Amino acid sequence: MTKDKDHDPVWQAAWAWVRRQHEQRGSLDGATRDEFMQWLAADPLHRKTHEEAARLWLLVGLVPPANDVPPPDHSPDGIAGR
């Protein structure tokens, strides 16, 4: 996240909702879901920002951890310099 997003309360709330949804495997309980829906409806920027945060969450999940990426000089057949 950039410094601007670190200090943006809408981004922080959207990111918190995305994390919460992920922690609860995508299904929020009734009261929490109502709270989320109210937050989304309160401002069109909330929905837009939530969608952006959800896309970022998905993209980050598709990036392999650094220790799973072979070093640049590593060739797939095990012979360096090819």
Protein backbone atom coordinates (compact mmCIF):
# COMPACT_ATOMS: atom_id res chain seq x y z
CA MET A 1 0.00 0.00 0.00
CA THR A 2 1.11 3.52 -0.62
CA LYS A 3 1.43 6.19 2.02
CA ASP A 4 -1.73 7.85 0.69
CA LYS A 5 -3.73 4.67 1.26
CA ASP A 6 -2.20 4.26 4.72
CA HIS A 7 -3.93 7.51 5.74
CA ASP A 8 -7.15 7.08 3.76
CA PRO A 9 -9.99 6.02 6.10
CA VAL A 10 -12.14 4.73 3.22
CA TRP A 11 -9.29 2.54 1.95
CA GLN A 12 -8.56 1.31 5.47
CA ALA A 13 -12.22 0.39 6.00
CA ALA A 14 -12.44 -1.33 2.61
CA TRP A 15 -9.25 -3.29 3.30
CA ALA A 16 -10.59 -4.30 6.73
CA TRP A 17 -13.82 -5.58 5.11
CA VAL A 18 -11.85 -7.58 2.53
CA ARG A 19 -9.71 -9.14 5.27
CA ARG A 20 -12.79 -9.93 7.33
CA GLN A 21 -14.51 -11.58 4.38
CA HIS A 22 -11.42 -13.64 3.69
CA GLU A 23 -11.08 -14.69 7.35
CA GLN A 24 -14.72 -15.80 7.36
CA ARG A 25 -14.32 -17.62 4.02
CA GLY A 26 -16.48 -15.09 2.17
CA SER A 27 -19.63 -15.43 4.27
CA LEU A 28 -20.38 -12.81 6.88
CA ASP A 29 -22.96 -13.50 9.58
CA GLY A 30 -26.29 -11.66 9.37
CA ALA A 31 -25.50 -8.61 11.51
CA THR A 32 -22.02 -8.21 10.06
CA ARG A 33 -23.37 -8.57 6.53
CA ASP A 34 -25.98 -5.88 7.26
CA GLU A 35 -23.24 -3.59 8.58
CA PHE A 36 -21.16 -4.23 5.46
CA MET A 37 -24.10 -3.56 3.13
CA GLN A 38 -24.86 -0.31 4.98
CA TRP A 39 -21.23 0.76 4.64
CA LEU A 40 -21.31 0.01 0.90
CA ALA A 41 -24.58 1.93 0.44
CA ALA A 42 -23.39 4.97 2.41
CA ASP A 43 -21.18 6.27 -0.41
CA PRO A 44 -20.47 5.11 -3.98
CA LEU A 45 -16.76 5.54 -3.19
CA HIS A 46 -17.06 2.76 -0.59
CA ARG A 47 -18.12 0.20 -3.19
CA LYS A 48 -15.48 1.34 -5.67
CA THR A 49 -12.75 1.22 -3.04
CA HIS A 50 -13.90 -2.17 -1.77
CA GLU A 51 -13.75 -3.58 -5.30
CA GLU A 52 -10.22 -2.19 -5.68
CA ALA A 53 -9.14 -3.71 -2.35
CA ALA A 54 -10.70 -7.07 -3.27
CA ARG A 55 -8.84 -7.08 -6.62
CA LEU A 56 -5.59 -6.28 -4.82
CA TRP A 57 -6.22 -9.14 -2.37
CA LEU A 58 -6.77 -11.51 -5.29
CA LEU A 59 -3.66 -10.34 -7.14
CA VAL A 60 -1.47 -10.61 -4.07
CA GLY A 61 -2.70 -14.17 -3.60
CA LEU A 62 -1.59 -15.02 -7.14
CA VAL A 63 1.98 -13.83 -6.57
CA PRO A 64 4.21 -16.64 -5.30
CA PRO A 65 6.18 -16.02 -2.11
CA ALA A 66 9.71 -14.76 -2.76
CA ASN A 67 11.25 -18.03 -1.55
CA ASP A 68 9.28 -19.95 -4.23
CA VAL A 69 10.81 -17.97 -7.09
CA PRO A 70 14.11 -19.39 -8.41
CA PRO A 71 17.06 -17.00 -8.58
CA PRO A 72 17.53 -15.25 -11.96
CA ASP A 73 20.50 -17.42 -12.98
CA HIS A 74 18.60 -20.66 -12.33
CA SER A 75 17.54 -22.43 -15.50
CA PRO A 76 14.70 -24.98 -15.54
CA ASP A 77 16.93 -27.81 -16.74
CA GLY A 78 19.44 -27.21 -13.95
CA ILE A 79 22.19 -25.91 -16.25
CA ALA A 80 23.09 -22.28 -15.61
CA GLY A 81 24.06 -19.96 -18.43
CA ARG A 82 21.75 -21.38 -21.10
